[in-house]
Amino acid sequence: MSQASEDYDTPILPGGAPSDYERYLNTVELLELQKTPDERVHRDELLFQVVHQSSELWLKLATSEVEEAVLLTEQGEVAEAARVLRRPLRCMRFVTDQLDMLEELSPWEYQEIRKVLGHGSGFDSPGWKTLRAALPRLGQAFHARRREAGLSVEELYVQRRDHEALYRLAESLIELDEWCQQWRVRHYRVVARVIGDGVVGTQGTPVEVLGRLVQTVVFPELWEVRNELTARSKAETG
């Protein structure tokens, strides 16, 4: 069939959906993952499910890109690893920003939704769990390349013009760590705003525990080096 006579309205991919767009993206199945209006105890269940389900997709992508950055770093392709990490950074921005939607929930009306969550908790998020497992491996790969270059973390920053790719990777790691921390802060504030900060969550964990977790970082040595650089500069100029 010539291009001029090809029927672009007829899907050619396998499946039963009416268009190739729907078949490729599995939109029929995707849009059936949320409760129907008759199944919802409150209309805001749709908002609640969409925010959390889309978060899981962004976290899945973030984890995939972090794992790719690990492989690239292990193979010595440090500059490419730093470039790839721009993607999970965007993912974390999206995941953090969409928490704003949860503030559209009425604190009292949300209590109806909370009754049907069972023991469901953000602590059980598979996307967050897999991302947290991937990040330490990224740090290990980075430090292996740094040691291979014969550098301490401090010297990498002092000599960063001679090791630009490795420096960029280090900064990508700390930026990713920072966004994970910002997500924790934002998540805690949203939970506190919706259900309060002095109550127990659906999994039996006090909300205040979330508040204590906001200081968690994955790459403490990259944060500590800032203190070392400030002390070094003070000693050299003093």
Protein backbone atom coordinates (compact mmCIF):
# COMPACT_ATOMS: atom_id res chain seq x y z
CA MET A 1 0.00 0.00 0.00
CA SER A 2 1.44 3.41 -0.91
CA GLN A 3 1.85 6.10 1.70
CA ALA A 4 -0.84 8.17 0.01
CA SER A 5 -3.39 5.37 0.19
CA GLU A 6 -2.49 4.01 3.64
CA ASP A 7 -5.38 4.03 6.10
CA TYR A 8 -3.99 5.81 9.15
CA ASP A 9 -7.27 5.40 11.03
CA THR A 10 -6.89 1.62 11.13
CA PRO A 11 -4.62 0.35 13.94
CA ILE A 12 -1.82 -2.03 12.95
CA LEU A 13 -0.50 -2.97 16.40
CA PRO A 14 -1.87 -6.13 18.09
CA GLY A 15 -4.71 -5.69 20.54
CA GLY A 16 -8.37 -4.84 20.66
CA ALA A 17 -8.30 -1.10 21.45
CA PRO A 18 -9.63 1.20 18.72
CA SER A 19 -6.30 2.99 18.04
CA ASP A 20 -2.58 2.23 18.04
CA TYR A 21 -2.12 4.97 20.65
CA GLU A 22 -4.38 3.08 23.05
CA ARG A 23 -2.88 -0.29 22.15
CA TYR A 24 0.74 0.81 22.64
CA LEU A 25 0.06 2.57 25.95
CA ASN A 26 -2.46 0.01 27.22
CA THR A 27 -4.79 2.87 28.08
CA VAL A 28 -7.79 0.59 28.51
CA GLU A 29 -6.05 -1.31 31.31
CA LEU A 30 -4.41 1.84 32.68
CA LEU A 31 -7.65 3.77 33.02
CA GLU A 32 -9.36 0.80 34.68
CA LEU A 33 -6.83 0.75 37.54
CA GLN A 34 -8.81 3.38 39.47
CA LYS A 35 -12.02 2.70 41.33
CA THR A 36 -15.24 3.36 39.45
CA PRO A 37 -17.62 6.03 40.74
CA ASP A 38 -19.82 3.32 42.26
CA GLU A 39 -16.86 1.79 44.12
CA ARG A 40 -15.60 5.02 45.69
CA VAL A 41 -16.52 5.92 49.24
CA HIS A 42 -15.79 9.55 48.30
CA ARG A 43 -15.27 11.20 44.95
CA ASP A 44 -11.76 12.32 46.03
CA GLU A 45 -10.60 8.71 45.94
CA LEU A 46 -9.92 9.31 42.25
CA LEU A 47 -7.62 12.21 43.08
CA PHE A 48 -5.89 10.16 45.76
CA GLN A 49 -5.35 7.15 43.49
CA VAL A 50 -4.20 9.15 40.46
CA VAL A 51 -1.57 11.03 42.48
CA HIS A 52 -0.16 7.88 44.02
CA GLN A 53 -0.33 5.70 40.92
CA SER A 54 1.36 8.32 38.76
CA SER A 55 4.01 8.74 41.47
CA GLU A 56 4.78 5.03 41.23
CA LEU A 57 5.31 5.39 37.47
CA TRP A 58 7.69 8.33 37.87
CA LEU A 59 9.58 6.50 40.61
CA LYS A 60 9.82 3.43 38.36
CA LEU A 61 11.39 5.58 35.64
CA ALA A 62 13.68 7.28 38.16
CA THR A 63 14.94 3.92 39.42
CA SER A 64 15.54 2.67 35.88
CA GLU A 65 17.63 5.74 35.05
CA VAL A 66 19.60 5.53 38.30
CA GLU A 67 20.39 1.88 37.54
CA GLU A 68 21.55 2.91 34.06
CA ALA A 69 23.78 5.57 35.63
CA VAL A 70 25.26 2.89 37.90
CA LEU A 71 26.19 0.75 34.88
CA LEU A 72 27.65 3.72 33.02
CA THR A 73 29.71 4.76 36.04
CA GLU A 74 31.00 1.22 36.52
CA GLN A 75 32.02 1.20 32.85
CA GLY A 76 33.90 4.49 33.26
CA GLU A 77 31.40 6.57 31.26
CA VAL A 78 31.16 9.16 33.97
CA ALA A 79 30.04 12.11 31.87
CA GLU A 80 27.22 10.09 30.33
CA ALA A 81 26.17 8.89 33.78
CA ALA A 82 25.88 12.50 34.94
CA ARG A 83 23.76 13.30 31.89
CA VAL A 84 21.44 10.34 32.49
CA LEU A 85 20.88 11.46 36.09
CA ARG A 86 19.10 14.57 34.83
CA ARG A 87 16.12 12.28 34.20
CA PRO A 88 15.57 10.96 37.74
CA LEU A 89 16.09 14.49 38.98
CA ARG A 90 13.13 15.60 36.86
CA CYS A 91 11.16 12.59 38.06
CA MET A 92 11.69 13.63 41.67
CA ARG A 93 10.59 17.17 40.88
CA PHE A 94 7.39 15.84 39.33
CA VAL A 95 6.71 13.46 42.24
CA THR A 96 7.30 16.26 44.75
CA ASP A 97 5.25 18.88 42.92
CA GLN A 98 2.22 16.65 42.46
CA LEU A 99 1.93 16.29 46.23
CA ASP A 100 0.33 19.73 46.00
CA MET A 101 -2.79 18.00 44.67
CA LEU A 102 -3.22 16.17 47.97
CA GLU A 103 -3.65 19.50 49.71
CA GLU A 104 -6.89 19.82 47.78
CA LEU A 105 -8.30 17.12 50.06
CA SER A 106 -10.57 18.29 52.84
CA PRO A 107 -9.08 17.06 56.15
CA TRP A 108 -12.50 15.93 57.36
CA GLU A 109 -13.68 14.34 54.10
CA TYR A 110 -10.34 12.56 53.69
CA GLN A 111 -11.21 10.61 56.82
CA GLU A 112 -13.76 8.70 54.71
CA ILE A 113 -11.02 7.68 52.25
CA ARG A 114 -8.69 6.74 55.07
CA LYS A 115 -11.17 4.14 56.30
CA VAL A 116 -10.74 2.07 53.12
CA LEU A 117 -6.92 2.20 52.93
CA GLY A 118 -6.44 -0.77 55.22
CA HIS A 119 -2.85 -0.76 56.43
CA GLY A 120 -1.71 0.97 53.25
CA SER A 121 1.17 3.36 53.84
CA GLY A 122 3.69 5.34 51.83
CA PHE A 123 6.33 3.25 53.59
CA ASP A 124 5.20 0.37 51.34
CA SER A 125 5.66 2.26 48.08
CA PRO A 126 7.48 -0.14 45.70
CA GLY A 127 8.77 2.80 43.67
CA TRP A 128 10.30 4.49 46.70
CA LYS A 129 11.76 1.19 47.98
CA THR A 130 13.47 0.32 44.68
CA LEU A 131 14.83 3.85 44.27
CA ARG A 132 16.24 3.80 47.79
CA ALA A 133 17.91 0.46 47.03
CA ALA A 134 19.45 1.75 43.79
CA LEU A 135 20.92 4.98 45.16
CA PRO A 136 23.58 3.39 47.44
CA ARG A 137 24.82 1.36 44.46
CA LEU A 138 25.22 4.59 42.55
CA GLY A 139 27.30 5.98 45.41
CA GLN A 140 29.48 2.88 45.45
CA ALA A 141 30.11 3.15 41.71
CA PHE A 142 30.99 6.84 42.04
CA HIS A 143 33.46 6.25 44.87
CA ALA A 144 35.10 3.43 42.91
CA ARG A 145 35.80 5.84 40.04
CA ARG A 146 36.97 8.52 42.49
CA ARG A 147 39.41 6.15 44.17
CA GLU A 148 40.58 4.99 40.77
CA ALA A 149 41.49 8.62 40.04
CA GLY A 150 43.44 8.75 43.30
CA LEU A 151 41.23 11.45 44.80
CA SER A 152 39.63 12.05 48.14
CA VAL A 153 36.20 13.66 48.01
CA GLU A 154 37.75 16.91 49.21
CA GLU A 155 40.46 16.89 46.54
CA LEU A 156 37.90 16.14 43.85
CA TYR A 157 36.17 19.40 44.70
CA VAL A 158 39.41 21.36 45.00
CA GLN A 159 40.70 20.01 41.69
CA ARG A 160 37.33 19.89 39.96
CA ARG A 161 38.57 21.60 36.76
CA ASP A 162 40.94 18.69 36.20
CA HIS A 163 38.18 16.13 36.84
CA GLU A 164 35.11 17.88 35.45
CA ALA A 165 33.09 14.76 34.58
CA LEU A 166 33.62 13.18 37.99
CA TYR A 167 32.79 16.47 39.68
CA ARG A 168 29.56 16.77 37.67
CA LEU A 169 28.62 13.25 38.69
CA ALA A 170 29.23 14.10 42.35
CA GLU A 171 27.01 17.16 42.06
CA SER A 172 24.30 15.12 40.34
CA LEU A 173 24.39 12.69 43.26
CA ILE A 174 24.00 15.39 45.85
CA GLU A 175 21.25 17.09 43.85
CA LEU A 176 19.37 13.81 43.66
CA ASP A 177 19.89 13.33 47.38
CA GLU A 178 18.59 16.84 47.96
CA TRP A 179 15.44 16.19 45.93
CA CYS A 180 14.76 12.97 47.82
CA GLN A 181 15.07 14.97 51.02
CA GLN A 182 12.76 17.67 49.67
CA TRP A 183 10.22 14.99 48.80
CA ARG A 184 10.38 13.72 52.38
CA VAL A 185 9.82 17.24 53.73
CA ARG A 186 6.97 17.95 51.34
CA HIS A 187 5.36 14.58 52.05
CA TYR A 188 5.54 15.14 55.79
CA ARG A 189 3.99 18.61 55.51
CA VAL A 190 1.16 17.31 53.30
CA VAL A 191 0.40 14.46 55.73
CA ALA A 192 0.49 16.86 58.66
CA ARG A 193 -1.83 19.26 56.86
CA VAL A 194 -4.36 16.57 55.94
CA ILE A 195 -4.46 14.31 59.02
CA GLY A 196 -2.35 16.16 61.60
CA ASP A 197 1.18 15.74 62.98
CA GLY A 198 0.25 14.20 66.34
CA VAL A 199 -1.65 11.14 65.12
CA VAL A 200 -0.81 7.57 64.13
CA GLY A 201 -0.74 6.65 60.44
CA THR A 202 -2.55 3.78 58.72
CA GLN A 203 0.36 1.41 59.35
CA GLY A 204 0.58 2.23 63.04
CA THR A 205 3.49 4.63 62.61
CA PRO A 206 3.23 8.05 64.28
CA VAL A 207 3.27 10.90 61.76
CA GLU A 208 6.03 12.52 63.80
CA VAL A 209 8.34 9.72 62.59
CA LEU A 210 8.05 11.20 59.09
CA GLY A 211 9.25 14.47 60.54
CA ARG A 212 12.35 12.81 61.96
CA LEU A 213 13.13 11.17 58.61
CA VAL A 214 13.41 14.45 56.71
CA GLN A 215 17.08 14.73 57.66
CA THR A 216 17.91 11.38 56.03
CA VAL A 217 20.53 11.57 53.29
CA VAL A 218 22.01 8.86 51.07
CA PHE A 219 25.42 10.41 50.42
CA PRO A 220 26.52 11.95 53.74
CA GLU A 221 30.15 12.20 52.61
CA LEU A 222 29.14 14.59 49.84
CA TRP A 223 27.41 16.81 52.38
CA GLU A 224 30.26 16.58 54.90
CA VAL A 225 32.82 17.68 52.31
CA ARG A 226 31.22 21.13 52.35
CA ASN A 227 32.23 21.48 55.97
CA GLU A 228 35.74 20.27 55.14
CA LEU A 229 36.10 22.75 52.31
CA THR A 230 34.94 25.63 54.49
CA ALA A 231 37.40 24.64 57.23
CA ARG A 232 40.20 24.26 54.67
CA SER A 233 39.51 27.68 53.18
CA LYS A 234 39.42 29.25 56.63
CA ALA A 235 42.71 27.61 57.58
CA GLU A 236 44.42 28.74 54.37
CA THR A 237 43.23 32.33 54.67
CA GLY A 238 43.58 32.58 58.44
